[in-house]
PDB file of all heavy atoms in Angstrom:
ATOM      1  N   HIS A   1       0.825  -1.173   0.002  1.00  0.00           N
ATOM      2  CA  HIS A   1       0.011   0.025  -0.025  1.00  0.00           C
ATOM      3  C   HIS A   1       0.849   1.269  -0.020  1.00  0.00           C
ATOM      4  O   HIS A   1       0.620   2.217  -0.747  1.00  0.00           O
ATOM      5  CB  HIS A   1      -0.969   0.005   1.211  1.00  0.00           C
ATOM      6  CG  HIS A   1      -1.851   1.198   1.269  1.00  0.00           C
ATOM      7  ND1 HIS A   1      -2.779   1.460   0.330  1.00  0.00           N
ATOM      8  CD2 HIS A   1      -1.906   2.166   2.154  1.00  0.00           C
ATOM      9  CE1 HIS A   1      -3.402   2.570   0.653  1.00  0.00           C
ATOM     10  NE2 HIS A   1      -2.815   3.044   1.754  1.00  0.00           N
ATOM     11  N   GLN A   2       1.899   1.275   0.786  1.00  0.00           N
ATOM     12  CA  GLN A   2       2.829   2.390   0.867  1.00  0.00           C
ATOM     13  C   GLN A   2       3.579   2.562  -0.494  1.00  0.00           C
ATOM     14  O   GLN A   2       3.754   3.675  -0.985  1.00  0.00           O
ATOM     15  CB  GLN A   2       3.833   2.209   1.981  1.00  0.00           C
ATOM     16  CG  GLN A   2       3.242   2.379   3.358  1.00  0.00           C
ATOM     17  CD  GLN A   2       4.210   2.033   4.465  1.00  0.00           C
ATOM     18  OE1 GLN A   2       5.270   1.403   4.193  1.00  0.00           O
ATOM     19  NE2 GLN A   2       3.856   2.391   5.714  1.00  0.00           N
ATOM     20  N   LEU A   3       4.002   1.477  -1.047  1.00  0.00           N
ATOM     21  CA  LEU A   3       4.663   1.502  -2.353  1.00  0.00           C
ATOM     22  C   LEU A   3       3.730   2.007  -3.445  1.00  0.00           C
ATOM     23  O   LEU A   3       4.093   2.836  -4.281  1.00  0.00           O
ATOM     24  CB  LEU A   3       5.199   0.076  -2.730  1.00  0.00           C
ATOM     25  CG  LEU A   3       5.980  -0.029  -4.024  1.00  0.00           C
ATOM     26  CD1 LEU A   3       7.287   0.764  -3.933  1.00  0.00           C
ATOM     27  CD2 LEU A   3       6.321  -1.482  -4.321  1.00  0.00           C
ATOM     28  N   ALA A   4       2.535   1.587  -3.439  1.00  0.00           N
ATOM     29  CA  ALA A   4       1.562   2.049  -4.444  1.00  0.00           C
ATOM     30  C   ALA A   4       1.257   3.478  -4.301  1.00  0.00           C
ATOM     31  O   ALA A   4       1.140   4.269  -5.250  1.00  0.00           O
ATOM     32  CB  ALA A   4       0.246   1.249  -4.331  1.00  0.00           C
ATOM     33  N   ARG A   5       1.152   3.953  -3.029  1.00  0.00           N
ATOM     34  CA  ARG A   5       0.888   5.345  -2.757  1.00  0.00           C
ATOM     35  C   ARG A   5       2.096   6.252  -3.243  1.00  0.00           C
ATOM     36  O   ARG A   5       1.883   7.335  -3.803  1.00  0.00           O
ATOM     37  CB  ARG A   5       0.708   5.526  -1.283  1.00  0.00           C
ATOM     38  CG  ARG A   5       0.069   6.781  -0.849  1.00  0.00           C
ATOM     39  CD  ARG A   5       0.052   6.771   0.598  1.00  0.00           C
ATOM     40  NE  ARG A   5      -1.216   7.267   1.082  1.00  0.00           N
ATOM     41  CZ  ARG A   5      -1.487   7.327   2.318  1.00  0.00           C
ATOM     42  NH1 ARG A   5      -0.643   6.883   3.254  1.00  0.00           N
ATOM     43  NH2 ARG A   5      -2.629   7.817   2.744  1.00  0.00           N
ATOM     44  N   ARG A   6       3.276   5.773  -3.023  1.00  0.00           N
ATOM     45  CA  ARG A   6       4.479   6.476  -3.394  1.00  0.00           C
ATOM     46  C   ARG A   6       4.609   6.530  -4.932  1.00  0.00           C
ATOM     47  O   ARG A   6       4.953   7.514  -5.528  1.00  0.00           O
ATOM     48  CB  ARG A   6       5.715   5.839  -2.827  1.00  0.00           C
ATOM     49  CG  ARG A   6       6.958   6.750  -2.880  1.00  0.00           C
ATOM     50  CD  ARG A   6       8.113   6.114  -2.209  1.00  0.00           C
ATOM     51  NE  ARG A   6       8.640   5.014  -2.974  1.00  0.00           N
ATOM     52  CZ  ARG A   6       9.264   3.974  -2.447  1.00  0.00           C
ATOM     53  NH1 ARG A   6       9.500   3.926  -1.163  1.00  0.00           N
ATOM     54  NH2 ARG A   6       9.698   3.026  -3.240  1.00  0.00           N
ATOM     55  N   PHE A   7       4.230   5.394  -5.595  1.00  0.00           N
ATOM     56  CA  PHE A   7       4.249   5.330  -7.025  1.00  0.00           C
ATOM     57  C   PHE A   7       3.237   6.290  -7.674  1.00  0.00           C
ATOM     58  O   PHE A   7       3.586   6.940  -8.660  1.00  0.00           O
ATOM     59  CB  PHE A   7       4.007   3.871  -7.501  1.00  0.00           C
ATOM     60  CG  PHE A   7       4.065   3.687  -8.948  1.00  0.00           C
ATOM     61  CD1 PHE A   7       5.263   3.746  -9.655  1.00  0.00           C
ATOM     62  CD2 PHE A   7       2.944   3.462  -9.666  1.00  0.00           C
ATOM     63  CE1 PHE A   7       5.316   3.610 -11.006  1.00  0.00           C
ATOM     64  CE2 PHE A   7       2.941   3.281 -11.052  1.00  0.00           C
ATOM     65  CZ  PHE A   7       4.168   3.334 -11.726  1.00  0.00           C
ATOM     66  N   THR A   8       2.021   6.304  -7.167  1.00  0.00           N
ATOM     67  CA  THR A   8       1.034   7.203  -7.746  1.00  0.00           C
ATOM     68  C   THR A   8       1.320   8.640  -7.475  1.00  0.00           C
ATOM     69  O   THR A   8       0.905   9.513  -8.273  1.00  0.00           O
ATOM     70  CB  THR A   8      -0.407   6.878  -7.245  1.00  0.00           C
ATOM     71  OG1 THR A   8      -0.392   6.984  -5.814  1.00  0.00           O
ATOM     72  CG2 THR A   8      -0.815   5.494  -7.639  1.00  0.00           C
ATOM     73  N   GLY A   9       2.043   8.984  -6.475  1.00  0.00           N
ATOM     74  CA  GLY A   9       2.356  10.341  -6.142  1.00  0.00           C
ATOM     75  C   GLY A   9       3.620  10.836  -6.860  1.00  0.00           C
ATOM     76  O   GLY A   9       3.921  12.054  -6.937  1.00  0.00           O
ATOM     77  N   ASP A  10       4.418   9.919  -7.383  1.00  0.00           N
ATOM     78  CA  ASP A  10       5.661  10.294  -8.045  1.00  0.00           C
ATOM     79  C   ASP A  10       5.424  10.721  -9.481  1.00  0.00           C
ATOM     80  O   ASP A  10       4.807  10.051 -10.232  1.00  0.00           O
ATOM     81  CB  ASP A  10       6.601   9.051  -8.072  1.00  0.00           C
ATOM     82  CG  ASP A  10       8.024   9.426  -8.515  1.00  0.00           C
ATOM     83  OD1 ASP A  10       8.319  10.622  -8.697  1.00  0.00           O
ATOM     84  OD2 ASP A  10       8.826   8.491  -8.637  1.00  0.00           O
ATOM     85  N   ARG A  11       5.850  11.977  -9.833  1.00  0.00           N
ATOM     86  CA  ARG A  11       5.664  12.546 -11.172  1.00  0.00           C
ATOM     87  C   ARG A  11       6.880  12.529 -12.026  1.00  0.00           C
ATOM     88  O   ARG A  11       6.890  13.084 -13.109  1.00  0.00           O
ATOM     89  CB  ARG A  11       5.141  13.999 -11.016  1.00  0.00           C
ATOM     90  CG  ARG A  11       3.765  14.063 -10.399  1.00  0.00           C
ATOM     91  CD  ARG A  11       2.737  13.531 -11.346  1.00  0.00           C
ATOM     92  NE  ARG A  11       1.419  13.547 -10.780  1.00  0.00           N
ATOM     93  CZ  ARG A  11       0.480  12.667 -11.038  1.00  0.00           C
ATOM     94  NH1 ARG A  11       0.759  11.707 -11.917  1.00  0.00           N
ATOM     95  NH2 ARG A  11      -0.646  12.700 -10.475  1.00  0.00           N
ATOM     96  N   GLN A  12       7.973  11.987 -11.550  1.00  0.00           N
ATOM     97  CA  GLN A  12       9.220  11.942 -12.360  1.00  0.00           C
ATOM     98  C   GLN A  12       8.971  10.991 -13.528  1.00  0.00           C
ATOM     99  O   GLN A  12       8.426   9.936 -13.365  1.00  0.00           O
ATOM    100  CB  GLN A  12      10.386  11.471 -11.528  1.00  0.00           C
ATOM    101  CG  GLN A  12      10.842  12.461 -10.500  1.00  0.00           C
ATOM    102  CD  GLN A  12      12.031  11.931  -9.718  1.00  0.00           C
ATOM    103  OE1 GLN A  12      12.175  10.755  -9.566  1.00  0.00           O
ATOM    104  NE2 GLN A  12      12.832  12.850  -9.222  1.00  0.00           N
ATOM    105  N   GLY A  13       9.436  11.403 -14.725  1.00  0.00           N
ATOM    106  CA  GLY A  13       9.341  10.552 -15.917  1.00  0.00           C
ATOM    107  C   GLY A  13       8.043  10.643 -16.702  1.00  0.00           C
ATOM    108  O   GLY A  13       7.871  10.032 -17.692  1.00  0.00           O
ATOM    109  N   VAL A  14       7.114  11.445 -16.177  1.00  0.00           N
ATOM    110  CA  VAL A  14       5.783  11.598 -16.829  1.00  0.00           C
ATOM    111  C   VAL A  14       5.982  12.223 -18.257  1.00  0.00           C
ATOM    112  O   VAL A  14       5.430  11.787 -19.218  1.00  0.00           O
ATOM    113  CB  VAL A  14       4.826  12.476 -16.037  1.00  0.00           C
ATOM    114  CG1 VAL A  14       3.545  12.797 -16.843  1.00  0.00           C
ATOM    115  CG2 VAL A  14       4.419  11.728 -14.783  1.00  0.00           C
ATOM    116  N   GLY A  15       6.878  13.264 -18.338  1.00  0.00           N
ATOM    117  CA  GLY A  15       7.181  13.868 -19.619  1.00  0.00           C
ATOM    118  C   GLY A  15       7.738  12.907 -20.651  1.00  0.00           C
ATOM    119  O   GLY A  15       7.440  12.899 -21.758  1.00  0.00           O
ATOM    120  N   ALA A  16       8.634  12.039 -20.124  1.00  0.00           N
ATOM    121  CA  ALA A  16       9.276  11.003 -21.029  1.00  0.00           C
ATOM    122  C   ALA A  16       8.260  10.027 -21.540  1.00  0.00           C
ATOM    123  O   ALA A  16       8.241   9.617 -22.733  1.00  0.00           O
ATOM    124  CB  ALA A  16      10.340  10.296 -20.272  1.00  0.00           C
ATOM    125  N   ILE A  17       7.309   9.645 -20.686  1.00  0.00           N
ATOM    126  CA  ILE A  17       6.212   8.745 -21.122  1.00  0.00           C
ATOM    127  C   ILE A  17       5.337   9.362 -22.113  1.00  0.00           C
ATOM    128  O   ILE A  17       4.985   8.789 -23.132  1.00  0.00           O
ATOM    129  CB  ILE A  17       5.477   8.212 -19.854  1.00  0.00           C
ATOM    130  CG1 ILE A  17       6.368   7.320 -19.036  1.00  0.00           C
ATOM    131  CG2 ILE A  17       4.218   7.433 -20.297  1.00  0.00           C
ATOM    132  CD1 ILE A  17       5.793   6.880 -17.680  1.00  0.00           C
ATOM    133  N   GLU A  18       4.920  10.646 -21.869  1.00  0.00           N
ATOM    134  CA  GLU A  18       4.084  11.361 -22.780  1.00  0.00           C
ATOM    135  C   GLU A  18       4.832  11.507 -24.135  1.00  0.00           C
ATOM    136  O   GLU A  18       4.180  11.384 -25.198  1.00  0.00           O
ATOM    137  CB  GLU A  18       3.690  12.707 -22.213  1.00  0.00           C
ATOM    138  CG  GLU A  18       2.705  12.671 -21.080  1.00  0.00           C
ATOM    139  CD  GLU A  18       2.477  13.977 -20.436  1.00  0.00           C
ATOM    140  OE1 GLU A  18       3.202  14.938 -20.699  1.00  0.00           O
ATOM    141  OE2 GLU A  18       1.541  14.035 -19.627  1.00  0.00           O
ATOM    142  N   PHE A  19       6.076  11.842 -24.102  1.00  0.00           N
ATOM    143  CA  PHE A  19       6.831  12.008 -25.362  1.00  0.00           C
ATOM    144  C   PHE A  19       6.912  10.688 -26.115  1.00  0.00           C
ATOM    145  O   PHE A  19       6.784  10.646 -27.317  1.00  0.00           O
ATOM    146  CB  PHE A  19       8.295  12.495 -25.025  1.00  0.00           C
ATOM    147  CG  PHE A  19       9.077  12.654 -26.233  1.00  0.00           C
ATOM    148  CD1 PHE A  19       8.906  13.727 -27.122  1.00  0.00           C
ATOM    149  CD2 PHE A  19      10.079  11.768 -26.521  1.00  0.00           C
ATOM    150  CE1 PHE A  19       9.634  13.929 -28.223  1.00  0.00           C
ATOM    151  CE2 PHE A  19      10.856  11.906 -27.733  1.00  0.00           C
ATOM    152  CZ  PHE A  19      10.668  12.960 -28.547  1.00  0.00           C
ATOM    153  N   ALA A  20       7.105   9.571 -25.367  1.00  0.00           N
ATOM    154  CA  ALA A  20       7.174   8.235 -26.000  1.00  0.00           C
ATOM    155  C   ALA A  20       5.842   7.893 -26.676  1.00  0.00           C
ATOM    156  O   ALA A  20       5.845   7.238 -27.704  1.00  0.00           O
ATOM    157  CB  ALA A  20       7.549   7.189 -24.995  1.00  0.00           C
ATOM    158  N   ILE A  21       4.741   8.373 -26.119  1.00  0.00           N
ATOM    159  CA  ILE A  21       3.434   8.082 -26.701  1.00  0.00           C
ATOM    160  C   ILE A  21       3.252   8.955 -27.936  1.00  0.00           C
ATOM    161  O   ILE A  21       2.753   8.555 -28.961  1.00  0.00           O
ATOM    162  CB  ILE A  21       2.340   8.339 -25.650  1.00  0.00           C
ATOM    163  CG1 ILE A  21       2.415   7.199 -24.632  1.00  0.00           C
ATOM    164  CG2 ILE A  21       0.941   8.331 -26.355  1.00  0.00           C
ATOM    165  CD1 ILE A  21       1.488   7.523 -23.379  1.00  0.00           C
ATOM    166  N   LEU A  22       3.627  10.242 -27.907  1.00  0.00           N
ATOM    167  CA  LEU A  22       3.406  11.188 -28.947  1.00  0.00           C
ATOM    168  C   LEU A  22       4.397  11.140 -30.095  1.00  0.00           C
ATOM    169  O   LEU A  22       4.123  11.536 -31.219  1.00  0.00           O
ATOM    170  CB  LEU A  22       3.307  12.638 -28.397  1.00  0.00           C
ATOM    171  CG  LEU A  22       2.116  12.935 -27.528  1.00  0.00           C
ATOM    172  CD1 LEU A  22       2.200  14.330 -26.983  1.00  0.00           C
ATOM    173  CD2 LEU A  22       0.827  12.715 -28.296  1.00  0.00           C
ATOM    174  N   PHE A  23       5.629  10.706 -29.805  1.00  0.00           N
ATOM    175  CA  PHE A  23       6.742  10.687 -30.782  1.00  0.00           C
ATOM    176  C   PHE A  23       6.350   9.983 -32.100  1.00  0.00           C
ATOM    177  O   PHE A  23       6.529  10.590 -33.163  1.00  0.00           O
ATOM    178  CB  PHE A  23       7.981  10.159 -30.207  1.00  0.00           C
ATOM    179  CG  PHE A  23       9.123  10.158 -31.138  1.00  0.00           C
ATOM    180  CD1 PHE A  23       9.751  11.357 -31.479  1.00  0.00           C
ATOM    181  CD2 PHE A  23       9.585   8.989 -31.740  1.00  0.00           C
ATOM    182  CE1 PHE A  23      10.793  11.360 -32.378  1.00  0.00           C
ATOM    183  CE2 PHE A  23      10.615   8.997 -32.607  1.00  0.00           C
ATOM    184  CZ  PHE A  23      11.268  10.217 -32.938  1.00  0.00           C
ATOM    185  N   PRO A  24       5.838   8.809 -32.070  1.00  0.00           N
ATOM    186  CA  PRO A  24       5.451   8.120 -33.364  1.00  0.00           C
ATOM    187  C   PRO A  24       4.392   8.919 -34.179  1.00  0.00           C
ATOM    188  O   PRO A  24       4.475   8.979 -35.404  1.00  0.00           O
ATOM    189  CB  PRO A  24       4.892   6.779 -32.965  1.00  0.00           C
ATOM    190  CG  PRO A  24       5.362   6.546 -31.551  1.00  0.00           C
ATOM    191  CD  PRO A  24       5.552   7.892 -30.984  1.00  0.00           C
TER     192      PRO A  24
END
């Protein structure tokens, strides 16, 4: 539960994921 909470609150790498989706 603590790990899931920390994962959902972490915003690092969101830009990279969005870029990976939009790049193609």
